[in-house]
C-alpha atoms as a PDB file:
ATOM      1  CA  MET A   1     106.704  89.514 117.472  1.00  0.00           C
ATOM      2  CA  LEU A   2     108.209  88.460 114.213  1.00  0.00           C
ATOM      3  CA  TYR A   3     104.954  87.034 112.893  1.00  0.00           C
ATOM      4  CA  LYS A   4     103.162  90.198 113.855  1.00  0.00           C
ATOM      5  CA  VAL A   5     105.521  92.280 111.910  1.00  0.00           C
ATOM      6  CA  LEU A   6     105.511  89.956 108.967  1.00  0.00           C
ATOM      7  CA  ASP A   7     101.518  90.133 109.080  1.00  0.00           C
ATOM      8  CA  TYR A   8     101.620  93.771 109.321  1.00  0.00           C
ATOM      9  CA  ILE A   9     104.004  94.110 106.298  1.00  0.00           C
ATOM     10  CA  LYS A  10     101.901  91.725 104.336  1.00  0.00           C
ATOM     11  CA  SER A  11      98.712  93.640 104.929  1.00  0.00           C
ATOM     12  CA  GLN A  12     100.256  96.989 103.637  1.00  0.00           C
ATOM     13  CA  ARG A  13     101.433  97.871 100.111  1.00  0.00           C
ATOM     14  CA  PHE A  14     104.106 100.279 101.674  1.00  0.00           C
ATOM     15  CA  VAL A  15     105.250 100.243 105.186  1.00  0.00           C
ATOM     16  CA  ASN A  16     106.447 103.260 107.079  1.00  0.00           C
ATOM     17  CA  ILE A  17     108.831 101.898 109.659  1.00  0.00           C
ATOM     18  CA  GLU A  18     108.023 104.588 112.150  1.00  0.00           C
ATOM     19  CA  ARG A  19     104.284 103.856 111.838  1.00  0.00           C
ATOM     20  CA  LEU A  20     104.969 100.157 112.268  1.00  0.00           C
ATOM     21  CA  LYS A  21     106.881 100.560 115.390  1.00  0.00           C
ATOM     22  CA  ARG A  22     104.223 102.895 116.754  1.00  0.00           C
ATOM     23  CA  ASP A  23     101.478 100.579 115.717  1.00  0.00           C
ATOM     24  CA  LEU A  24     102.954  97.480 117.243  1.00  0.00           C
ATOM     25  CA  ASN A  25     104.584  99.226 120.092  1.00  0.00           C
ATOM     26  CA  ILE A  26     108.193  98.151 119.195  1.00  0.00           C
ATOM     27  CA  SER A  27     111.136  99.895 120.460  1.00  0.00           C
ATOM     28  CA  GLU A  28     113.984 101.117 118.260  1.00  0.00           C
ATOM     29  CA  GLU A  29     116.261  98.248 119.796  1.00  0.00           C
ATOM     30  CA  GLU A  30     113.502  95.722 119.177  1.00  0.00           C
ATOM     31  CA  TRP A  31     113.107  96.963 115.587  1.00  0.00           C
ATOM     32  CA  ASP A  32     116.834  96.622 114.874  1.00  0.00           C
ATOM     33  CA  LEU A  33     116.767  92.932 115.989  1.00  0.00           C
ATOM     34  CA  ILE A  34     113.606  92.303 114.025  1.00  0.00           C
ATOM     35  CA  PHE A  35     114.912  93.891 110.981  1.00  0.00           C
ATOM     36  CA  LEU A  36     118.087  91.949 111.071  1.00  0.00           C
ATOM     37  CA  GLN A  37     116.090  88.670 111.446  1.00  0.00           C
ATOM     38  CA  LEU A  38     113.886  89.483 108.507  1.00  0.00           C
ATOM     39  CA  ARG A  39     116.950  90.465 106.419  1.00  0.00           C
ATOM     40  CA  ASP A  40     118.706  87.286 107.296  1.00  0.00           C
ATOM     41  CA  LEU A  41     115.630  85.236 106.363  1.00  0.00           C
ATOM     42  CA  GLY A  42     115.201  86.870 103.156  1.00  0.00           C
ATOM     43  CA  TYR A  43     112.003  88.837 103.782  1.00  0.00           C
ATOM     44  CA  VAL A  44     113.355  92.291 103.214  1.00  0.00           C
ATOM     45  CA  VAL A  45     116.132  93.616 101.193  1.00  0.00           C
ATOM     46  CA  GLU A  46     118.024  96.716 102.612  1.00  0.00           C
ATOM     47  CA  LYS A  47     118.543  99.306  99.845  1.00  0.00           C
ATOM     48  CA  ASP A  48     120.002 102.739  99.569  1.00  0.00           C
ATOM     49  CA  LEU A  49     117.275 104.800  98.182  1.00  0.00           C
ATOM     50  CA  THR A  50     118.815 108.122  98.293  1.00  0.00           C
ATOM     51  CA  ASN A  51     119.553 108.169  94.408  1.00  0.00           C
ATOM     52  CA  ASN A  52     116.842 105.780  93.305  1.00  0.00           C
ATOM     53  CA  SER A  53     115.090 106.868  90.247  1.00  0.00           C
ATOM     54  CA  ASN A  54     111.889 104.784  91.158  1.00  0.00           C
ATOM     55  CA  CYS A  55     111.307 107.005  93.930  1.00  0.00           C
ATOM     56  CA  ALA A  56     110.394 109.815  91.352  1.00  0.00           C
ATOM     57  CA  LEU A  57     107.403 107.508  90.435  1.00  0.00           C
ATOM     58  CA  CYS A  58     106.249 106.698  93.929  1.00  0.00           C
ATOM     59  CA  PRO A  59     103.072 108.382  95.271  1.00  0.00           C
ATOM     60  CA  TYR A  60     104.549 108.680  98.626  1.00  0.00           C
ATOM     61  CA  ALA A  61     107.789 110.339  97.450  1.00  0.00           C
ATOM     62  CA  LYS A  62     107.080 113.761  98.934  1.00  0.00           C
ATOM     63  CA  ALA A  63     106.291 112.415 102.312  1.00  0.00           C
ATOM     64  CA  CYS A  64     108.960 109.737 102.382  1.00  0.00           C
ATOM     65  CA  LYS A  65     111.918 109.779 104.567  1.00  0.00           C
ATOM     66  CA  TYR A  66     113.290 106.461 102.964  1.00  0.00           C
ATOM     67  CA  GLY A  67     111.804 104.536 105.650  1.00  0.00           C
ATOM     68  CA  CYS A  68     109.511 102.210 103.821  1.00  0.00           C
ATOM     69  CA  ILE A  69     109.335  98.522 102.664  1.00  0.00           C
ATOM     70  CA  LYS A  70     107.694  97.632  99.708  1.00  0.00           C
ATOM     71  CA  GLY A  71     105.327  94.761 100.288  1.00  0.00           C
END
């Protein structure tokens, strides 16, 4: 499943986590484990986006719930 998630992320410019879980049929518990693996392997970086000035430049800012990964 880890490879499917990596392929999905690689194929997108921005990834909405909720859509990824729905598209790949991943439960919340599975996602938590997959995310930890991706983070530990250095594929993703967890960031607090609540006060990020870059979000103002993002075309998805209005619809964003801080649940994206930049690919």
